[in-house]
Amino acid sequence: MISAWTKNCNSDEEKARFQSAVLGAKPVLNRLNELLCEMEEDLSRSELSSANYDTPNWAPKQAHVNGQKAQIRTIKFLINLDQGN
């Protein structure tokens, strides 16, 4: 678990309690990760359609998709509890 999860805790006891709560939610976070992976795959698949290039505002649409993918990666990083600080 990265330290960002507990950086707002004021005591070691509060930190331990919060870490326990987060770790208790690991099955939920794992499922969220699966859903995010599916969303990321859907975005990648949608980029492969040649119809995407048939619109004059292709660049802003692509920038939006890139932003969505970046956000998904950030969230996946945060919910990965198997990494260190």
C-alpha atoms as a PDB file:
ATOM      1  CA  MET A   1       0.000   0.000   0.000  1.00  0.00           C
ATOM      2  CA  ILE A   2       1.386   3.398  -0.904  1.00  0.00           C
ATOM      3  CA  SER A   3       1.831   5.967   1.853  1.00  0.00           C
ATOM      4  CA  ALA A   4      -0.695   8.335   0.236  1.00  0.00           C
ATOM      5  CA  TRP A   5      -3.458   6.214   1.801  1.00  0.00           C
ATOM      6  CA  THR A   6      -2.381   7.087   5.345  1.00  0.00           C
ATOM      7  CA  LYS A   7      -0.621  10.445   5.017  1.00  0.00           C
ATOM      8  CA  ASN A   8      -3.544  12.246   6.672  1.00  0.00           C
ATOM      9  CA  CYS A   9      -3.541   9.986   9.757  1.00  0.00           C
ATOM     10  CA  ASN A  10      -2.471  11.816  12.903  1.00  0.00           C
ATOM     11  CA  SER A  11      -1.303   8.881  15.009  1.00  0.00           C
ATOM     12  CA  ASP A  12       0.151   5.418  14.568  1.00  0.00           C
ATOM     13  CA  GLU A  13      -3.065   3.953  15.975  1.00  0.00           C
ATOM     14  CA  GLU A  14      -5.210   5.846  13.493  1.00  0.00           C
ATOM     15  CA  LYS A  15      -2.849   4.808  10.689  1.00  0.00           C
ATOM     16  CA  ALA A  16      -3.047   1.126  11.694  1.00  0.00           C
ATOM     17  CA  ARG A  17      -6.851   1.279  11.935  1.00  0.00           C
ATOM     18  CA  PHE A  18      -7.155   2.902   8.527  1.00  0.00           C
ATOM     19  CA  GLN A  19      -4.692   0.479   6.903  1.00  0.00           C
ATOM     20  CA  SER A  20      -6.741  -2.386   8.307  1.00  0.00           C
ATOM     21  CA  ALA A  21      -9.919  -0.910   6.846  1.00  0.00           C
ATOM     22  CA  VAL A  22      -8.340  -0.457   3.425  1.00  0.00           C
ATOM     23  CA  LEU A  23      -6.879  -3.971   3.440  1.00  0.00           C
ATOM     24  CA  GLY A  24     -10.310  -5.293   4.441  1.00  0.00           C
ATOM     25  CA  ALA A  25     -11.672  -3.731   1.258  1.00  0.00           C
ATOM     26  CA  LYS A  26      -9.072  -5.459  -0.930  1.00  0.00           C
ATOM     27  CA  PRO A  27     -11.632  -7.724  -2.685  1.00  0.00           C
ATOM     28  CA  VAL A  28     -13.635  -4.628  -3.633  1.00  0.00           C
ATOM     29  CA  LEU A  29     -10.518  -2.822  -4.847  1.00  0.00           C
ATOM     30  CA  ASN A  30      -9.496  -5.891  -6.864  1.00  0.00           C
ATOM     31  CA  ARG A  31     -12.905  -5.919  -8.552  1.00  0.00           C
ATOM     32  CA  LEU A  32     -12.599  -2.186  -9.214  1.00  0.00           C
ATOM     33  CA  ASN A  33      -9.239  -2.872 -10.856  1.00  0.00           C
ATOM     34  CA  GLU A  34     -10.869  -5.487 -13.103  1.00  0.00           C
ATOM     35  CA  LEU A  35     -13.571  -3.004 -14.117  1.00  0.00           C
ATOM     36  CA  LEU A  36     -10.957  -0.340 -14.834  1.00  0.00           C
ATOM     37  CA  CYS A  37      -9.010  -2.808 -16.986  1.00  0.00           C
ATOM     38  CA  GLU A  38     -12.179  -3.509 -18.973  1.00  0.00           C
ATOM     39  CA  MET A  39     -12.774   0.217 -19.435  1.00  0.00           C
ATOM     40  CA  GLU A  40      -9.189   0.715 -20.580  1.00  0.00           C
ATOM     41  CA  GLU A  41      -9.524  -2.138 -23.085  1.00  0.00           C
ATOM     42  CA  ASP A  42     -12.772  -0.643 -24.410  1.00  0.00           C
ATOM     43  CA  LEU A  43     -11.062   2.711 -24.915  1.00  0.00           C
ATOM     44  CA  SER A  44      -8.161   1.058 -26.719  1.00  0.00           C
ATOM     45  CA  ARG A  45     -10.525  -0.918 -28.950  1.00  0.00           C
ATOM     46  CA  SER A  46     -12.509   2.193 -29.820  1.00  0.00           C
ATOM     47  CA  GLU A  47      -9.315   3.906 -30.960  1.00  0.00           C
ATOM     48  CA  LEU A  48      -8.772   1.234 -33.614  1.00  0.00           C
ATOM     49  CA  SER A  49     -11.901   2.110 -35.568  1.00  0.00           C
ATOM     50  CA  SER A  50     -11.133   3.960 -38.787  1.00  0.00           C
ATOM     51  CA  ALA A  51     -14.393   5.878 -38.321  1.00  0.00           C
ATOM     52  CA  ASN A  52     -12.642   7.880 -35.606  1.00  0.00           C
ATOM     53  CA  TYR A  53     -10.556   9.632 -38.242  1.00  0.00           C
ATOM     54  CA  ASP A  54     -13.580  10.678 -40.319  1.00  0.00           C
ATOM     55  CA  THR A  55     -14.402  13.598 -38.062  1.00  0.00           C
ATOM     56  CA  PRO A  56     -12.836  17.058 -38.161  1.00  0.00           C
ATOM     57  CA  ASN A  57     -12.524  17.169 -34.369  1.00  0.00           C
ATOM     58  CA  TRP A  58     -10.476  13.980 -34.176  1.00  0.00           C
ATOM     59  CA  ALA A  59      -7.616  15.583 -32.198  1.00  0.00           C
ATOM     60  CA  PRO A  60      -9.783  16.813 -29.281  1.00  0.00           C
ATOM     61  CA  LYS A  61     -11.530  13.426 -29.154  1.00  0.00           C
ATOM     62  CA  GLN A  62      -8.165  11.665 -29.057  1.00  0.00           C
ATOM     63  CA  ALA A  63      -6.946  14.008 -26.318  1.00  0.00           C
ATOM     64  CA  HIS A  64     -10.071  13.181 -24.307  1.00  0.00           C
ATOM     65  CA  VAL A  65      -9.472   9.439 -24.679  1.00  0.00           C
ATOM     66  CA  ASN A  66      -5.827   9.890 -23.710  1.00  0.00           C
ATOM     67  CA  GLY A  67      -6.931  11.780 -20.594  1.00  0.00           C
ATOM     68  CA  GLN A  68      -9.389   9.029 -19.687  1.00  0.00           C
ATOM     69  CA  LYS A  69      -6.687   6.385 -20.061  1.00  0.00           C
ATOM     70  CA  ALA A  70      -4.290   8.400 -17.906  1.00  0.00           C
ATOM     71  CA  GLN A  71      -6.899   8.716 -15.161  1.00  0.00           C
ATOM     72  CA  ILE A  72      -7.603   4.987 -15.267  1.00  0.00           C
ATOM     73  CA  ARG A  73      -3.887   4.255 -14.881  1.00  0.00           C
ATOM     74  CA  THR A  74      -3.648   6.668 -11.934  1.00  0.00           C
ATOM     75  CA  ILE A  75      -6.588   5.043 -10.159  1.00  0.00           C
ATOM     76  CA  LYS A  76      -5.187   1.563 -10.816  1.00  0.00           C
ATOM     77  CA  PHE A  77      -1.894   2.687  -9.265  1.00  0.00           C
ATOM     78  CA  LEU A  78      -3.658   4.012  -6.160  1.00  0.00           C
ATOM     79  CA  ILE A  79      -5.756   0.892  -5.562  1.00  0.00           C
ATOM     80  CA  ASN A  80      -2.875  -1.553  -6.042  1.00  0.00           C
ATOM     81  CA  LEU A  81      -2.251  -2.475  -2.396  1.00  0.00           C
ATOM     82  CA  ASP A  82       0.578  -4.877  -3.230  1.00  0.00           C
ATOM     83  CA  GLN A  83       3.109  -2.131  -3.808  1.00  0.00           C
ATOM     84  CA  GLY A  84       5.324  -0.443  -1.246  1.00  0.00           C
ATOM     85  CA  ASN A  85       5.619   3.233  -0.343  1.00  0.00           C
END
